[in-house]
Amino acid sequence: MYRMYLRLVLGLIWMGVAIIGLVSGNMGMAGLFVVVGIAYLSSGVSMWKKTKEN
């Protein structure tokens, strides 16, 4: 259960870092941060859905 929350929090942190990267003008790294954030968030959401089914 803690892994699900950890992945969701890490995904939100990566998305926040991506926004900071966009504001600072570093588009290449911001794109990478968005991809990593989406990966963590999708992983956390899929784990959340699996726990709701059980």
N, C-alpha and C. Protein backbone atom coordinates (compact mmCIF):
# COMPACT_ATOMS: atom_id res chain seq x y z
N MET A 1 0.81 -1.18 0.00
CA MET A 1 0.00 0.00 0.00
C MET A 1 0.87 1.27 0.00
N TYR A 2 1.96 1.24 0.77
CA TYR A 2 2.81 2.42 0.82
C TYR A 2 3.48 2.68 -0.53
N ARG A 3 3.70 1.63 -1.31
CA ARG A 3 4.33 1.81 -2.63
C ARG A 3 3.43 2.61 -3.56
N MET A 4 2.13 2.39 -3.44
CA MET A 4 1.18 3.13 -4.27
C MET A 4 1.25 4.62 -3.93
N TYR A 5 1.21 4.94 -2.64
CA TYR A 5 1.28 6.33 -2.22
C TYR A 5 2.63 6.96 -2.57
N LEU A 6 3.69 6.19 -2.43
CA LEU A 6 5.01 6.68 -2.76
C LEU A 6 5.10 7.03 -4.24
N ARG A 7 4.57 6.17 -5.09
CA ARG A 7 4.62 6.45 -6.53
C ARG A 7 3.76 7.64 -6.91
N LEU A 8 2.61 7.78 -6.26
CA LEU A 8 1.77 8.95 -6.55
C LEU A 8 2.45 10.24 -6.11
N VAL A 9 3.07 10.23 -4.94
CA VAL A 9 3.77 11.43 -4.45
C VAL A 9 4.97 11.75 -5.34
N LEU A 10 5.73 10.73 -5.71
CA LEU A 10 6.88 10.97 -6.59
C LEU A 10 6.44 11.49 -7.95
N GLY A 11 5.33 10.98 -8.46
CA GLY A 11 4.81 11.49 -9.73
C GLY A 11 4.43 12.95 -9.64
N LEU A 12 3.80 13.33 -8.54
CA LEU A 12 3.43 14.74 -8.36
C LEU A 12 4.67 15.62 -8.21
N ILE A 13 5.68 15.11 -7.53
CA ILE A 13 6.93 15.87 -7.38
C ILE A 13 7.59 16.07 -8.74
N TRP A 14 7.65 15.02 -9.56
CA TRP A 14 8.25 15.14 -10.89
C TRP A 14 7.48 16.13 -11.76
N MET A 15 6.15 16.13 -11.64
CA MET A 15 5.37 17.08 -12.42
C MET A 15 5.64 18.51 -11.96
N GLY A 16 5.81 18.70 -10.65
CA GLY A 16 6.16 20.02 -10.13
C GLY A 16 7.53 20.47 -10.63
N VAL A 17 8.47 19.56 -10.66
CA VAL A 17 9.80 19.89 -11.19
C VAL A 17 9.72 20.22 -12.67
N ALA A 18 8.84 19.55 -13.40
CA ALA A 18 8.67 19.85 -14.82
C ALA A 18 8.12 21.26 -15.01
N ILE A 19 7.19 21.65 -14.16
CA ILE A 19 6.65 23.02 -14.25
C ILE A 19 7.74 24.04 -13.96
N ILE A 20 8.55 23.77 -12.96
CA ILE A 20 9.67 24.68 -12.64
C ILE A 20 10.64 24.74 -13.81
N GLY A 21 10.89 23.60 -14.46
CA GLY A 21 11.77 23.57 -15.62
C GLY A 21 11.21 24.37 -16.78
N LEU A 22 9.89 24.31 -16.98
CA LEU A 22 9.28 25.11 -18.04
C LEU A 22 9.39 26.59 -17.76
N VAL A 23 9.19 26.97 -16.50
CA VAL A 23 9.27 28.38 -16.13
C VAL A 23 10.69 28.91 -16.31
N SER A 24 11.67 28.08 -15.99
CA SER A 24 13.06 28.51 -16.12
C SER A 24 13.56 28.46 -17.56
N GLY A 25 12.80 27.83 -18.45
CA GLY A 25 13.15 27.82 -19.86
C GLY A 25 13.93 26.60 -20.31
N ASN A 26 14.06 25.61 -19.49
CA ASN A 26 14.79 24.40 -19.84
C ASN A 26 13.80 23.37 -20.39
N MET A 27 13.47 23.49 -21.67
CA MET A 27 12.42 22.68 -22.28
C MET A 27 12.80 21.21 -22.40
N GLY A 28 14.04 20.91 -22.69
CA GLY A 28 14.45 19.52 -22.87
C GLY A 28 14.32 18.72 -21.59
N MET A 29 14.82 19.27 -20.51
CA MET A 29 14.73 18.56 -19.24
C MET A 29 13.29 18.53 -18.73
N ALA A 30 12.52 19.58 -19.00
CA ALA A 30 11.12 19.60 -18.57
C ALA A 30 10.35 18.48 -19.27
N GLY A 31 10.64 18.24 -20.53
CA GLY A 31 10.00 17.14 -21.25
C GLY A 31 10.34 15.79 -20.63
N LEU A 32 11.59 15.62 -20.25
CA LEU A 32 12.01 14.39 -19.58
C LEU A 32 11.30 14.23 -18.25
N PHE A 33 11.19 15.31 -17.49
CA PHE A 33 10.52 15.25 -16.19
C PHE A 33 9.04 14.92 -16.34
N VAL A 34 8.41 15.42 -17.39
CA VAL A 34 7.00 15.09 -17.63
C VAL A 34 6.84 13.60 -17.92
N VAL A 35 7.73 13.06 -18.72
CA VAL A 35 7.66 11.63 -19.04
C VAL A 35 7.84 10.78 -17.79
N VAL A 36 8.81 11.13 -16.96
CA VAL A 36 9.04 10.39 -15.72
C VAL A 36 7.85 10.55 -14.78
N GLY A 37 7.30 11.75 -14.69
CA GLY A 37 6.14 11.98 -13.83
C GLY A 37 4.93 11.20 -14.28
N ILE A 38 4.70 11.14 -15.57
CA ILE A 38 3.58 10.36 -16.10
C ILE A 38 3.78 8.87 -15.82
N ALA A 39 5.00 8.41 -15.93
CA ALA A 39 5.28 6.99 -15.66
C ALA A 39 4.97 6.65 -14.19
N TYR A 40 5.43 7.50 -13.27
CA TYR A 40 5.15 7.26 -11.86
C TYR A 40 3.66 7.37 -11.55
N LEU A 41 3.00 8.38 -12.09
CA LEU A 41 1.58 8.55 -11.82
C LEU A 41 0.75 7.41 -12.39
N SER A 42 1.06 6.98 -13.61
CA SER A 42 0.29 5.88 -14.19
C SER A 42 0.51 4.58 -13.42
N SER A 43 1.71 4.38 -12.93
CA SER A 43 1.99 3.20 -12.13
C SER A 43 1.22 3.24 -10.81
N GLY A 44 1.20 4.39 -10.17
CA GLY A 44 0.47 4.53 -8.92
C GLY A 44 -1.03 4.38 -9.10
N VAL A 45 -1.56 4.94 -10.17
CA VAL A 45 -3.00 4.84 -10.43
C VAL A 45 -3.39 3.40 -10.75
N SER A 46 -2.55 2.69 -11.50
CA SER A 46 -2.88 1.29 -11.81
C SER A 46 -2.85 0.44 -10.54
N MET A 47 -1.91 0.71 -9.64
CA MET A 47 -1.88 -0.01 -8.37
C MET A 47 -3.11 0.33 -7.52
N TRP A 48 -3.55 1.58 -7.57
CA TRP A 48 -4.71 2.02 -6.82
C TRP A 48 -5.97 1.31 -7.32
N LYS A 49 -6.09 1.18 -8.65
CA LYS A 49 -7.25 0.50 -9.22
C LYS A 49 -7.26 -0.98 -8.85
N LYS A 50 -6.10 -1.61 -8.81
CA LYS A 50 -6.02 -3.02 -8.45
C LYS A 50 -6.44 -3.23 -7.00
N THR A 51 -6.06 -2.31 -6.12
CA THR A 51 -6.43 -2.46 -4.71
C THR A 51 -7.93 -2.20 -4.50
N LYS A 52 -8.52 -1.35 -5.33
CA LYS A 52 -9.96 -1.09 -5.21
C LYS A 52 -10.78 -2.29 -5.66
N GLU A 53 -10.28 -3.05 -6.63
CA GLU A 53 -10.99 -4.22 -7.13
C GLU A 53 -11.04 -5.33 -6.08
N ASN A 54 -10.02 -5.42 -5.26
CA ASN A 54 -9.97 -6.49 -4.25
C ASN A 54 -10.70 -6.07 -3.06
